[in-house]
Amino acid sequence: MLRADPADYRPVWMLAFYDQAELDSLALSAHLALGDYSTAEYHAHRCLSALRPHMIRSRAITTTRLAHAQLAQGAPDAATATAMKVPAEAATQHARVTRMLQEFGAALRATAPGSSTAQTWPDHTATWRMAA
């Protein structure tokens, strides 16, 4: 998209969805799948800075993926702090976000068992159940 002529016609649906945030989101997913976690984190930050305010679900998904990238780099405290930024509403009302956060919790327990962050996370998610 960046190499295409910006003056070329593009349908409204394409302009509404395929922007820089979406491209960074796709790159984030690809680098996570490849195990290139530092590059995934880079694209997550770029995506979050470019997402439009009304894209709450996309922001929650990107934030969760960022937390996964941070955890995979050996930063459980930063990863947990990032995951805790996902709003309770997004965490409980969007099945995909819920599943991704459950996977984050499992990965956190596996990589940092017994740590304070491994205890902080379930305490935090318990507040979601009370809010739901």
Protein backbone atom coordinates (compact mmCIF):
# COMPACT_ATOMS: atom_id res chain seq x y z
CA MET A 1 0.00 0.00 0.00
CA LEU A 2 2.81 2.43 0.75
CA ARG A 3 4.28 1.95 -2.74
CA ALA A 4 0.97 2.49 -4.53
CA ASP A 5 0.07 5.83 -5.99
CA PRO A 6 -1.89 7.68 -3.27
CA ALA A 7 -3.99 9.33 -5.98
CA ASP A 8 -5.31 5.96 -7.22
CA TYR A 9 -8.96 5.25 -6.53
CA ARG A 10 -9.65 3.13 -3.47
CA PRO A 11 -13.14 2.07 -2.35
CA VAL A 12 -14.46 3.64 0.84
CA TRP A 13 -14.45 0.28 2.66
CA MET A 14 -10.76 -0.11 1.94
CA LEU A 15 -9.90 3.35 3.24
CA ALA A 16 -12.00 2.76 6.35
CA PHE A 17 -10.17 -0.43 7.29
CA TYR A 18 -6.76 -0.78 5.63
CA ASP A 19 -4.74 1.99 7.19
CA GLN A 20 -1.30 2.08 8.84
CA ALA A 21 -2.72 0.66 12.07
CA GLU A 22 -4.05 -2.39 10.22
CA LEU A 23 -0.75 -2.93 8.43
CA ASP A 24 1.10 -2.79 11.75
CA SER A 25 -1.44 -5.17 13.26
CA LEU A 26 -0.82 -7.68 10.48
CA ALA A 27 2.94 -7.30 10.93
CA LEU A 28 2.51 -7.78 14.69
CA SER A 29 0.65 -11.06 14.13
CA ALA A 30 3.23 -12.28 11.64
CA HIS A 31 6.21 -11.51 13.88
CA LEU A 32 4.53 -13.12 16.89
CA ALA A 33 3.98 -16.28 14.84
CA LEU A 34 7.63 -16.21 13.74
CA GLY A 35 8.86 -15.78 17.32
CA ASP A 36 10.41 -12.40 16.52
CA TYR A 37 9.06 -10.81 19.69
CA SER A 38 11.00 -7.55 19.69
CA THR A 39 9.80 -6.70 16.18
CA ALA A 40 6.29 -7.77 17.16
CA GLU A 41 6.46 -5.36 20.09
CA TYR A 42 7.61 -2.57 17.78
CA HIS A 43 4.62 -3.10 15.47
CA ALA A 44 2.25 -3.32 18.45
CA HIS A 45 3.31 0.11 19.68
CA ARG A 46 2.98 1.56 16.16
CA CYS A 47 -0.45 0.00 15.77
CA LEU A 48 -1.68 1.29 19.13
CA SER A 49 -0.54 4.81 18.32
CA ALA A 50 -2.36 4.77 14.97
CA LEU A 51 -5.64 3.09 15.99
CA ARG A 52 -8.67 5.33 15.86
CA PRO A 53 -10.40 5.90 19.24
CA HIS A 54 -13.58 3.97 18.38
CA MET A 55 -11.65 0.75 17.62
CA ILE A 56 -11.94 -0.61 21.16
CA ARG A 57 -11.87 -4.31 20.25
CA SER A 58 -8.87 -3.86 17.94
CA ARG A 59 -7.06 -1.92 20.69
CA ALA A 60 -7.77 -4.73 23.18
CA ILE A 61 -6.49 -7.39 20.75
CA THR A 62 -3.34 -5.41 19.97
CA THR A 63 -2.70 -4.71 23.65
CA THR A 64 -3.04 -8.41 24.45
CA ARG A 65 -0.67 -9.33 21.63
CA LEU A 66 1.78 -6.74 22.95
CA ALA A 67 1.59 -8.37 26.39
CA HIS A 68 2.33 -11.77 24.81
CA ALA A 69 5.37 -10.31 23.01
CA GLN A 70 6.67 -8.76 26.23
CA LEU A 71 6.16 -11.96 28.17
CA ALA A 72 7.99 -13.96 25.51
CA GLN A 73 10.92 -11.55 25.88
CA GLY A 74 11.17 -12.38 29.59
CA ALA A 75 9.41 -9.32 30.98
CA PRO A 76 6.49 -10.69 33.02
CA ASP A 77 6.00 -7.48 35.04
CA ALA A 78 5.77 -5.29 31.94
CA ALA A 79 3.60 -7.87 30.18
CA THR A 80 1.17 -8.06 33.08
CA ALA A 81 0.99 -4.28 33.36
CA THR A 82 0.23 -4.13 29.64
CA ALA A 83 -2.44 -6.83 29.79
CA MET A 84 -4.08 -5.04 32.71
CA LYS A 85 -4.69 -2.05 30.40
CA VAL A 86 -7.33 -4.02 28.49
CA PRO A 87 -10.67 -2.59 29.66
CA ALA A 88 -12.91 -4.99 31.58
CA GLU A 89 -15.69 -4.44 29.05
CA ALA A 90 -13.50 -5.58 26.16
CA ALA A 91 -12.12 -8.47 28.20
CA THR A 92 -15.55 -9.84 29.02
CA GLN A 93 -17.71 -8.92 26.03
CA HIS A 94 -15.50 -9.98 23.13
CA ALA A 95 -14.90 -13.74 22.99
CA ARG A 96 -11.67 -13.40 21.03
CA VAL A 97 -10.22 -10.96 23.56
CA THR A 98 -11.36 -13.18 26.44
CA ARG A 99 -9.64 -16.22 24.90
CA MET A 100 -6.44 -14.30 24.19
CA LEU A 101 -6.29 -13.03 27.78
CA GLN A 102 -6.88 -16.54 29.11
CA GLU A 103 -3.95 -17.70 26.96
CA PHE A 104 -1.88 -14.85 28.37
CA GLY A 105 -2.70 -15.98 31.92
CA ALA A 106 -1.69 -19.56 31.11
CA ALA A 107 1.58 -18.39 29.54
CA LEU A 108 2.26 -16.16 32.56
CA ARG A 109 1.73 -19.07 34.97
CA ALA A 110 4.01 -21.26 32.85
CA THR A 111 6.84 -18.74 32.52
CA ALA A 112 6.72 -17.01 35.91
CA PRO A 113 5.19 -19.48 38.37
CA GLY A 114 5.11 -18.26 41.94
CA SER A 115 5.98 -14.68 40.98
CA SER A 116 4.03 -11.73 42.28
CA THR A 117 2.78 -11.03 38.76
CA ALA A 118 1.46 -14.58 38.49
CA GLN A 119 -0.69 -13.76 41.53
CA THR A 120 -1.55 -10.22 40.45
CA TRP A 121 -3.07 -11.41 37.18
CA PRO A 122 -5.77 -13.73 38.63
CA ASP A 123 -6.65 -11.08 41.21
CA HIS A 124 -7.09 -8.58 38.39
CA THR A 125 -9.20 -10.90 36.24
CA ALA A 126 -11.45 -11.63 39.22
CA THR A 127 -12.51 -7.98 39.14
CA TRP A 128 -13.76 -8.55 35.57
CA ARG A 129 -16.10 -11.29 36.73
CA MET A 130 -17.51 -8.97 39.39
CA ALA A 131 -17.96 -6.18 36.81
CA ALA A 132 -19.64 -8.47 34.24
